[in-house]
């Protein structure tokens, strides 16, 4: 018999505390040094983190719940966390909403042109998740009114005059 991965054992032995710790980490992605950009295709986001081990980049698709991080890949490729084989969302999927919202606020304040692409991706993603009645929307903050000009980009341009 193969030994279970320590994360799987932790999940199976104390599901509630495991999920609570994962949720705390997800809420702190920005504090942990993660940055987010719109990916190459709609609903795909590039999360990057530079640390002592070198830069790390993960692609996250909140529509499918997929991430290229080792935690997610391990579940898909070799060892599901749950007994029924369902996938436990990683901190990148869970924390994407808060990270995107805070990034949009910062980009808008800096009048950075990357704001518009990320904002367009984010609006499309939220609409798609809403149409699918995704539980992720309940985990993410409501869009901040400081980025509501996403819906009217000319407001940002006017305020720069």
N, C-alpha and C. Protein backbone atom coordinates (compact mmCIF):
# COMPACT_ATOMS: atom_id res chain seq x y z
N UNK A 1 0.84 -1.17 0.00
CA UNK A 1 0.00 0.00 0.00
C UNK A 1 0.88 1.24 0.00
N UNK A 2 0.51 2.22 -0.84
CA UNK A 2 1.26 3.46 -0.93
C UNK A 2 0.92 4.38 0.24
N UNK A 3 1.91 5.09 0.72
CA UNK A 3 1.68 6.05 1.80
C UNK A 3 0.97 7.28 1.24
N UNK A 4 0.02 7.80 2.00
CA UNK A 4 -0.71 9.00 1.57
C UNK A 4 0.17 10.23 1.76
N UNK A 5 -0.03 11.20 0.90
CA UNK A 5 0.68 12.47 1.01
C UNK A 5 0.28 13.14 2.33
N UNK A 6 1.22 13.81 3.02
CA UNK A 6 0.90 14.44 4.31
C UNK A 6 -0.27 15.43 4.25
N UNK A 7 -0.41 16.16 3.14
CA UNK A 7 -1.53 17.09 3.02
C UNK A 7 -2.87 16.34 2.97
N UNK A 8 -2.87 15.21 2.28
CA UNK A 8 -4.11 14.42 2.22
C UNK A 8 -4.46 13.90 3.61
N UNK A 9 -3.47 13.42 4.32
CA UNK A 9 -3.73 12.93 5.68
C UNK A 9 -4.27 14.04 6.57
N UNK A 10 -3.66 15.22 6.47
CA UNK A 10 -4.13 16.36 7.28
C UNK A 10 -5.57 16.70 6.93
N UNK A 11 -5.90 16.66 5.65
CA UNK A 11 -7.27 16.96 5.22
C UNK A 11 -8.25 15.91 5.75
N UNK A 12 -7.89 14.66 5.61
CA UNK A 12 -8.79 13.58 6.02
C UNK A 12 -8.96 13.52 7.54
N UNK A 13 -7.89 13.83 8.28
CA UNK A 13 -7.96 13.74 9.74
C UNK A 13 -8.65 14.94 10.39
N UNK A 14 -8.50 16.12 9.77
CA UNK A 14 -9.07 17.32 10.37
C UNK A 14 -9.52 18.28 9.27
N UNK A 15 -10.53 17.86 8.56
CA UNK A 15 -11.05 18.59 7.41
C UNK A 15 -11.36 20.05 7.74
N UNK A 16 -12.02 20.30 8.84
CA UNK A 16 -12.47 21.65 9.19
C UNK A 16 -11.28 22.60 9.38
N UNK A 17 -10.29 22.20 10.15
CA UNK A 17 -9.12 23.06 10.37
C UNK A 17 -8.26 23.20 9.11
N UNK A 18 -8.20 22.16 8.31
CA UNK A 18 -7.45 22.23 7.05
C UNK A 18 -8.05 23.29 6.14
N UNK A 19 -9.37 23.26 5.98
CA UNK A 19 -10.06 24.22 5.12
C UNK A 19 -9.95 25.63 5.70
N UNK A 20 -10.03 25.76 7.02
CA UNK A 20 -9.90 27.07 7.66
C UNK A 20 -8.51 27.66 7.39
N UNK A 21 -7.48 26.86 7.53
CA UNK A 21 -6.11 27.34 7.28
C UNK A 21 -5.92 27.71 5.81
N UNK A 22 -6.48 26.91 4.91
CA UNK A 22 -6.39 27.18 3.48
C UNK A 22 -7.10 28.49 3.14
N UNK A 23 -8.23 28.74 3.77
CA UNK A 23 -8.99 29.97 3.54
C UNK A 23 -8.22 31.19 4.02
N UNK A 24 -7.55 31.07 5.16
CA UNK A 24 -6.73 32.18 5.67
C UNK A 24 -5.60 32.48 4.69
N UNK A 25 -4.92 31.46 4.21
CA UNK A 25 -3.84 31.67 3.24
C UNK A 25 -4.38 32.30 1.96
N UNK A 26 -5.54 31.86 1.52
CA UNK A 26 -6.15 32.40 0.30
C UNK A 26 -6.43 33.89 0.44
N UNK A 27 -6.90 34.29 1.60
CA UNK A 27 -7.23 35.71 1.84
C UNK A 27 -5.99 36.59 1.88
N UNK A 28 -4.82 35.98 2.06
CA UNK A 28 -3.58 36.74 2.22
C UNK A 28 -2.63 36.63 1.02
N UNK A 29 -3.13 36.25 -0.15
CA UNK A 29 -2.23 36.09 -1.29
C UNK A 29 -1.41 37.34 -1.57
N UNK A 30 -2.04 38.51 -1.52
CA UNK A 30 -1.31 39.75 -1.75
C UNK A 30 -0.23 39.96 -0.73
N UNK A 31 -0.54 39.68 0.54
CA UNK A 31 0.45 39.82 1.62
C UNK A 31 1.59 38.82 1.46
N UNK A 32 1.31 37.70 0.83
CA UNK A 32 2.32 36.66 0.63
C UNK A 32 3.19 36.92 -0.60
N UNK A 33 2.96 38.06 -1.27
CA UNK A 33 3.80 38.44 -2.40
C UNK A 33 3.27 38.06 -3.76
N UNK A 34 2.03 37.62 -3.85
CA UNK A 34 1.46 37.26 -5.14
C UNK A 34 0.99 38.49 -5.90
N UNK A 35 1.16 38.46 -7.20
CA UNK A 35 0.64 39.48 -8.10
C UNK A 35 -0.21 38.76 -9.15
N UNK A 36 -1.19 39.46 -9.71
CA UNK A 36 -2.07 38.83 -10.70
C UNK A 36 -2.13 39.66 -11.97
N UNK A 37 -2.22 38.96 -13.08
CA UNK A 37 -2.39 39.58 -14.39
C UNK A 37 -3.42 38.77 -15.16
N UNK A 38 -4.05 39.43 -16.14
CA UNK A 38 -4.93 38.70 -17.05
C UNK A 38 -4.06 37.71 -17.83
N UNK A 39 -4.59 36.51 -18.04
CA UNK A 39 -3.84 35.50 -18.77
C UNK A 39 -4.01 35.64 -20.27
N UNK A 40 -3.61 34.62 -21.00
CA UNK A 40 -3.62 34.66 -22.45
C UNK A 40 -5.02 34.50 -23.03
N UNK A 41 -5.92 33.87 -22.28
CA UNK A 41 -7.29 33.69 -22.76
C UNK A 41 -8.26 34.12 -21.67
N UNK A 42 -9.47 34.39 -22.07
CA UNK A 42 -10.50 34.84 -21.14
C UNK A 42 -10.67 33.83 -20.01
N UNK A 43 -10.84 34.33 -18.81
CA UNK A 43 -11.02 33.55 -17.58
C UNK A 43 -9.74 32.89 -17.07
N UNK A 44 -8.62 33.20 -17.69
CA UNK A 44 -7.34 32.66 -17.24
C UNK A 44 -6.54 33.78 -16.60
N UNK A 45 -6.00 33.51 -15.42
CA UNK A 45 -5.24 34.51 -14.67
C UNK A 45 -3.86 33.96 -14.36
N UNK A 46 -2.86 34.83 -14.45
CA UNK A 46 -1.49 34.47 -14.15
C UNK A 46 -1.14 35.03 -12.77
N UNK A 47 -0.87 34.14 -11.82
CA UNK A 47 -0.45 34.55 -10.49
C UNK A 47 1.05 34.32 -10.40
N UNK A 48 1.76 35.36 -9.96
CA UNK A 48 3.22 35.26 -9.86
C UNK A 48 3.65 35.63 -8.45
N UNK A 49 4.67 34.93 -8.02
CA UNK A 49 5.25 35.20 -6.70
C UNK A 49 6.75 34.99 -6.80
N UNK A 50 7.48 35.96 -6.35
CA UNK A 50 8.93 35.82 -6.28
C UNK A 50 9.33 35.66 -4.83
N UNK A 51 10.15 34.67 -4.54
CA UNK A 51 10.62 34.48 -3.17
C UNK A 51 12.00 33.85 -3.20
N UNK A 52 12.48 33.40 -2.08
CA UNK A 52 13.81 32.84 -1.98
C UNK A 52 14.06 31.64 -2.90
N UNK A 53 12.99 30.93 -3.27
CA UNK A 53 13.13 29.78 -4.15
C UNK A 53 13.08 30.17 -5.62
N UNK A 54 13.02 31.46 -5.90
CA UNK A 54 12.90 31.93 -7.28
C UNK A 54 11.45 32.21 -7.62
N UNK A 55 11.23 32.78 -8.78
CA UNK A 55 9.85 33.15 -9.15
C UNK A 55 8.99 31.91 -9.41
N UNK A 56 7.75 32.04 -9.03
CA UNK A 56 6.77 30.99 -9.29
C UNK A 56 5.61 31.61 -10.06
N UNK A 57 5.11 30.91 -11.04
CA UNK A 57 3.96 31.36 -11.81
C UNK A 57 2.95 30.25 -11.89
N UNK A 58 1.71 30.58 -11.57
CA UNK A 58 0.62 29.61 -11.66
C UNK A 58 -0.48 30.20 -12.52
N UNK A 59 -1.08 29.37 -13.34
CA UNK A 59 -2.24 29.78 -14.14
C UNK A 59 -3.49 29.28 -13.44
N UNK A 60 -4.44 30.18 -13.25
CA UNK A 60 -5.67 29.86 -12.53
C UNK A 60 -6.87 30.13 -13.43
N UNK A 61 -7.77 29.16 -13.50
CA UNK A 61 -9.03 29.34 -14.21
C UNK A 61 -10.15 29.12 -13.21
N UNK A 62 -10.76 30.20 -12.72
CA UNK A 62 -11.81 30.03 -11.71
C UNK A 62 -13.09 29.41 -12.26
N UNK A 63 -13.27 29.43 -13.55
CA UNK A 63 -14.46 28.81 -14.14
C UNK A 63 -14.39 27.29 -13.98
N UNK A 64 -13.22 26.73 -14.25
CA UNK A 64 -13.05 25.28 -14.12
C UNK A 64 -12.52 24.89 -12.75
N UNK A 65 -12.01 25.89 -11.99
CA UNK A 65 -11.42 25.60 -10.68
C UNK A 65 -10.02 25.05 -10.80
N UNK A 66 -9.42 25.16 -11.97
CA UNK A 66 -8.09 24.59 -12.22
C UNK A 66 -6.98 25.57 -11.88
N UNK A 67 -5.86 25.01 -11.45
CA UNK A 67 -4.65 25.78 -11.16
C UNK A 67 -3.45 24.89 -11.49
N UNK A 68 -2.37 25.51 -11.88
CA UNK A 68 -1.18 24.73 -12.22
C UNK A 68 -0.25 24.53 -11.02
N UNK A 69 -0.69 24.91 -9.82
CA UNK A 69 0.14 24.73 -8.63
C UNK A 69 0.25 23.24 -8.26
N UNK A 70 1.28 22.87 -7.51
CA UNK A 70 1.47 21.47 -7.13
C UNK A 70 0.29 20.89 -6.33
N UNK A 71 -0.32 21.70 -5.46
CA UNK A 71 -1.44 21.23 -4.65
C UNK A 71 -2.59 20.74 -5.54
N UNK A 72 -2.94 21.54 -6.54
CA UNK A 72 -4.03 21.16 -7.44
C UNK A 72 -3.59 20.02 -8.36
N UNK A 73 -2.39 20.14 -8.95
CA UNK A 73 -1.91 19.13 -9.90
C UNK A 73 -1.84 17.74 -9.24
N UNK A 74 -1.39 17.69 -8.00
CA UNK A 74 -1.29 16.40 -7.30
C UNK A 74 -2.65 15.74 -7.22
N UNK A 75 -3.67 16.54 -6.92
CA UNK A 75 -5.02 15.98 -6.80
C UNK A 75 -5.53 15.45 -8.13
N UNK A 76 -5.23 16.17 -9.20
CA UNK A 76 -5.71 15.78 -10.52
C UNK A 76 -4.91 14.58 -11.06
N UNK A 77 -3.61 14.64 -10.89
CA UNK A 77 -2.74 13.64 -11.52
C UNK A 77 -2.58 12.33 -10.75
N UNK A 78 -2.47 12.43 -9.40
CA UNK A 78 -2.12 11.21 -8.68
C UNK A 78 -2.95 10.91 -7.44
N UNK A 79 -3.29 11.92 -6.66
CA UNK A 79 -3.90 11.61 -5.38
C UNK A 79 -4.93 12.66 -4.95
N UNK A 80 -6.21 12.37 -5.17
CA UNK A 80 -7.25 13.29 -4.70
C UNK A 80 -7.19 13.44 -3.18
N UNK A 81 -7.56 14.61 -2.70
CA UNK A 81 -7.56 14.85 -1.25
C UNK A 81 -8.74 14.15 -0.57
N UNK A 82 -9.84 14.07 -1.29
CA UNK A 82 -11.07 13.57 -0.69
C UNK A 82 -11.26 12.08 -0.98
N UNK A 83 -12.08 11.44 -0.19
CA UNK A 83 -12.37 10.02 -0.41
C UNK A 83 -13.21 9.80 -1.66
N UNK A 84 -14.04 10.81 -2.01
CA UNK A 84 -14.88 10.65 -3.20
C UNK A 84 -14.20 11.11 -4.49
N UNK A 85 -12.95 11.57 -4.38
CA UNK A 85 -12.20 11.96 -5.57
C UNK A 85 -12.44 13.39 -6.02
N UNK A 86 -13.27 14.14 -5.31
CA UNK A 86 -13.50 15.52 -5.71
C UNK A 86 -12.26 16.37 -5.38
N UNK A 87 -12.14 17.48 -6.07
CA UNK A 87 -10.96 18.33 -5.93
C UNK A 87 -11.21 19.40 -4.86
N UNK A 88 -10.25 19.55 -3.96
CA UNK A 88 -10.29 20.63 -2.96
C UNK A 88 -9.64 21.83 -3.63
N UNK A 89 -10.34 22.96 -3.72
CA UNK A 89 -9.75 24.13 -4.38
C UNK A 89 -8.49 24.60 -3.65
N UNK A 90 -7.49 25.02 -4.41
CA UNK A 90 -6.25 25.51 -3.82
C UNK A 90 -6.42 26.96 -3.36
N UNK A 91 -5.43 27.47 -2.64
CA UNK A 91 -5.50 28.84 -2.14
C UNK A 91 -5.52 29.84 -3.28
N UNK A 92 -4.96 29.50 -4.43
CA UNK A 92 -4.93 30.42 -5.56
C UNK A 92 -6.33 30.61 -6.15
N UNK A 93 -7.08 29.53 -6.26
CA UNK A 93 -8.46 29.62 -6.75
C UNK A 93 -9.32 30.35 -5.70
N UNK A 94 -9.17 29.97 -4.45
CA UNK A 94 -9.98 30.57 -3.39
C UNK A 94 -9.67 32.05 -3.18
N UNK A 95 -8.43 32.45 -3.34
CA UNK A 95 -8.03 33.83 -3.07
C UNK A 95 -7.99 34.74 -4.28
N UNK A 96 -8.30 34.21 -5.45
CA UNK A 96 -8.20 35.00 -6.68
C UNK A 96 -9.04 36.27 -6.62
N UNK A 97 -10.27 36.17 -6.15
CA UNK A 97 -11.17 37.32 -6.15
C UNK A 97 -10.61 38.50 -5.36
N UNK A 98 -10.17 38.25 -4.17
CA UNK A 98 -9.62 39.33 -3.33
C UNK A 98 -8.36 39.91 -3.96
N UNK A 99 -7.51 39.05 -4.54
CA UNK A 99 -6.28 39.52 -5.16
C UNK A 99 -6.57 40.39 -6.39
N UNK A 100 -7.51 39.96 -7.22
CA UNK A 100 -7.87 40.74 -8.40
C UNK A 100 -8.45 42.09 -7.98
N UNK A 101 -9.36 42.07 -7.01
CA UNK A 101 -9.99 43.33 -6.57
C UNK A 101 -8.93 44.31 -6.04
N UNK A 102 -8.02 43.85 -5.20
CA UNK A 102 -7.01 44.77 -4.65
C UNK A 102 -6.05 45.24 -5.75
N UNK A 103 -5.76 44.37 -6.70
CA UNK A 103 -4.88 44.76 -7.82
C UNK A 103 -5.56 45.81 -8.69
N UNK A 104 -6.85 45.63 -8.95
CA UNK A 104 -7.57 46.62 -9.75
C UNK A 104 -7.57 47.99 -9.07
N UNK A 105 -7.76 48.01 -7.77
CA UNK A 105 -7.75 49.28 -7.04
C UNK A 105 -6.39 49.96 -7.19
N UNK A 106 -5.32 49.18 -7.03
CA UNK A 106 -3.96 49.74 -7.14
C UNK A 106 -3.67 50.21 -8.57
N UNK A 107 -4.03 49.40 -9.57
CA UNK A 107 -3.78 49.78 -10.96
C UNK A 107 -4.54 51.05 -11.34
N UNK A 108 -5.76 51.15 -10.87
CA UNK A 108 -6.56 52.34 -11.16
C UNK A 108 -5.96 53.57 -10.51
N UNK A 109 -5.53 53.44 -9.28
CA UNK A 109 -4.92 54.57 -8.57
C UNK A 109 -3.63 55.04 -9.26
N UNK A 110 -2.91 54.09 -9.84
CA UNK A 110 -1.66 54.40 -10.55
C UNK A 110 -1.90 54.80 -12.00
N UNK A 111 -3.14 54.75 -12.44
CA UNK A 111 -3.52 55.03 -13.83
C UNK A 111 -2.73 54.13 -14.80
N UNK A 112 -2.59 52.88 -14.41
CA UNK A 112 -1.84 51.88 -15.17
C UNK A 112 -2.76 51.29 -16.24
N UNK A 113 -2.30 51.23 -17.47
CA UNK A 113 -3.13 50.74 -18.57
C UNK A 113 -3.50 49.26 -18.43
N UNK A 114 -2.76 48.49 -17.63
CA UNK A 114 -3.10 47.08 -17.42
C UNK A 114 -4.45 46.92 -16.71
N UNK A 115 -4.89 48.00 -16.08
CA UNK A 115 -6.18 48.01 -15.39
C UNK A 115 -7.32 47.56 -16.32
N UNK A 116 -7.34 48.08 -17.54
CA UNK A 116 -8.47 47.84 -18.43
C UNK A 116 -8.59 46.37 -18.84
N UNK A 117 -7.49 45.73 -19.17
CA UNK A 117 -7.56 44.31 -19.55
C UNK A 117 -7.95 43.45 -18.36
N UNK A 118 -7.32 43.68 -17.22
CA UNK A 118 -7.66 42.88 -16.04
C UNK A 118 -9.12 43.10 -15.64
N UNK A 119 -9.57 44.33 -15.74
CA UNK A 119 -10.96 44.65 -15.39
C UNK A 119 -11.92 43.94 -16.34
N UNK A 120 -11.64 43.97 -17.63
CA UNK A 120 -12.50 43.30 -18.61
C UNK A 120 -12.56 41.80 -18.34
N UNK A 121 -11.40 41.19 -18.06
CA UNK A 121 -11.34 39.75 -17.74
C UNK A 121 -12.19 39.47 -16.50
N UNK A 122 -12.04 40.33 -15.49
CA UNK A 122 -12.71 40.11 -14.21
C UNK A 122 -14.22 40.23 -14.34
N UNK A 123 -14.67 41.22 -15.09
CA UNK A 123 -16.12 41.37 -15.31
C UNK A 123 -16.67 40.13 -16.02
N UNK A 124 -15.98 39.70 -17.06
CA UNK A 124 -16.43 38.51 -17.81
C UNK A 124 -16.42 37.26 -16.93
N UNK A 125 -15.41 37.13 -16.10
CA UNK A 125 -15.32 35.97 -15.21
C UNK A 125 -16.46 35.97 -14.20
N UNK A 126 -16.70 37.11 -13.58
CA UNK A 126 -17.78 37.19 -12.58
C UNK A 126 -19.14 36.90 -13.23
N UNK A 127 -19.36 37.41 -14.44
CA UNK A 127 -20.63 37.15 -15.13
C UNK A 127 -20.79 35.66 -15.44
N UNK A 128 -19.71 35.03 -15.88
CA UNK A 128 -19.77 33.60 -16.19
C UNK A 128 -20.01 32.78 -14.93
N UNK A 129 -19.32 33.13 -13.85
CA UNK A 129 -19.52 32.41 -12.59
C UNK A 129 -20.95 32.60 -12.08
N UNK A 130 -21.48 33.80 -12.24
CA UNK A 130 -22.86 34.07 -11.81
C UNK A 130 -23.84 33.21 -12.63
N UNK A 131 -23.59 33.10 -13.93
CA UNK A 131 -24.49 32.31 -14.78
C UNK A 131 -24.45 30.83 -14.41
N UNK A 132 -23.33 30.39 -13.83
CA UNK A 132 -23.19 29.00 -13.40
C UNK A 132 -23.54 28.79 -11.94
N UNK A 133 -23.95 29.86 -11.26
CA UNK A 133 -24.29 29.80 -9.83
C UNK A 133 -23.13 29.24 -9.02
N UNK A 134 -21.93 29.72 -9.33
CA UNK A 134 -20.72 29.21 -8.68
C UNK A 134 -20.64 29.63 -7.22
N UNK A 135 -20.29 28.69 -6.34
CA UNK A 135 -20.10 29.04 -4.93
C UNK A 135 -18.89 29.94 -4.70
N UNK A 136 -17.98 30.04 -5.68
CA UNK A 136 -16.82 30.92 -5.53
C UNK A 136 -17.23 32.36 -5.30
N UNK A 137 -18.31 32.79 -5.94
CA UNK A 137 -18.73 34.19 -5.79
C UNK A 137 -19.02 34.52 -4.33
N UNK A 138 -19.50 33.57 -3.58
CA UNK A 138 -19.78 33.80 -2.16
C UNK A 138 -18.52 33.90 -1.32
N UNK A 139 -17.40 33.39 -1.83
CA UNK A 139 -16.14 33.44 -1.09
C UNK A 139 -15.37 34.73 -1.37
N UNK A 140 -15.65 35.35 -2.50
CA UNK A 140 -14.92 36.54 -2.91
C UNK A 140 -15.65 37.79 -2.47
N UNK A 141 -14.92 38.87 -2.26
CA UNK A 141 -15.57 40.12 -1.86
C UNK A 141 -16.43 40.67 -2.99
N UNK A 142 -17.43 41.43 -2.61
CA UNK A 142 -18.24 42.13 -3.60
C UNK A 142 -17.33 43.14 -4.29
N UNK A 143 -17.49 43.34 -5.59
CA UNK A 143 -16.61 44.31 -6.26
C UNK A 143 -16.61 45.65 -5.53
N UNK A 144 -15.44 46.18 -5.35
CA UNK A 144 -15.27 47.43 -4.64
C UNK A 144 -15.78 48.59 -5.50
N UNK A 145 -16.47 49.54 -4.88
CA UNK A 145 -17.00 50.66 -5.65
C UNK A 145 -15.88 51.50 -6.27
N UNK A 146 -14.66 51.39 -5.74
CA UNK A 146 -13.55 52.13 -6.33
C UNK A 146 -13.15 51.57 -7.68
N UNK A 147 -13.58 50.37 -8.02
CA UNK A 147 -13.28 49.85 -9.35
C UNK A 147 -14.53 49.79 -10.21
N UNK A 148 -15.64 50.35 -9.74
CA UNK A 148 -16.87 50.28 -10.50
C UNK A 148 -16.74 51.00 -11.83
N UNK A 149 -15.72 51.84 -11.97
CA UNK A 149 -15.52 52.51 -13.25
C UNK A 149 -15.04 51.53 -14.32
N UNK A 150 -14.78 50.27 -13.93
CA UNK A 150 -14.52 49.23 -14.93
C UNK A 150 -15.64 49.23 -15.95
N UNK A 151 -16.83 49.45 -15.44
CA UNK A 151 -17.99 49.42 -16.31
C UNK A 151 -18.06 50.66 -17.19
N UNK A 152 -17.30 51.68 -16.86
CA UNK A 152 -17.25 52.91 -17.62
C UNK A 152 -15.81 53.43 -17.60
N UNK A 153 -14.93 52.84 -18.43
CA UNK A 153 -13.52 53.21 -18.39
C UNK A 153 -13.26 54.69 -18.64
N UNK A 154 -14.18 55.38 -19.31
CA UNK A 154 -13.94 56.79 -19.59
C UNK A 154 -13.86 57.60 -18.30
N UNK A 155 -14.51 57.14 -17.22
CA UNK A 155 -14.43 57.85 -15.95
C UNK A 155 -13.00 57.92 -15.46
N UNK A 156 -12.24 56.83 -15.64
CA UNK A 156 -10.85 56.84 -15.21
C UNK A 156 -10.06 57.83 -16.04
N UNK A 157 -10.31 57.84 -17.34
CA UNK A 157 -9.58 58.75 -18.23
C UNK A 157 -9.93 60.20 -17.92
N UNK A 158 -11.22 60.47 -17.65
CA UNK A 158 -11.63 61.83 -17.32
C UNK A 158 -10.98 62.31 -16.04
N UNK A 159 -10.84 61.43 -15.04
CA UNK A 159 -10.27 61.86 -13.77
C UNK A 159 -8.77 62.14 -13.89
N UNK A 160 -8.16 61.69 -14.97
CA UNK A 160 -6.73 61.93 -15.17
C UNK A 160 -6.45 63.31 -15.75
N UNK A 161 -7.50 63.99 -16.23
CA UNK A 161 -7.31 65.31 -16.84
C UNK A 161 -7.10 66.38 -15.83
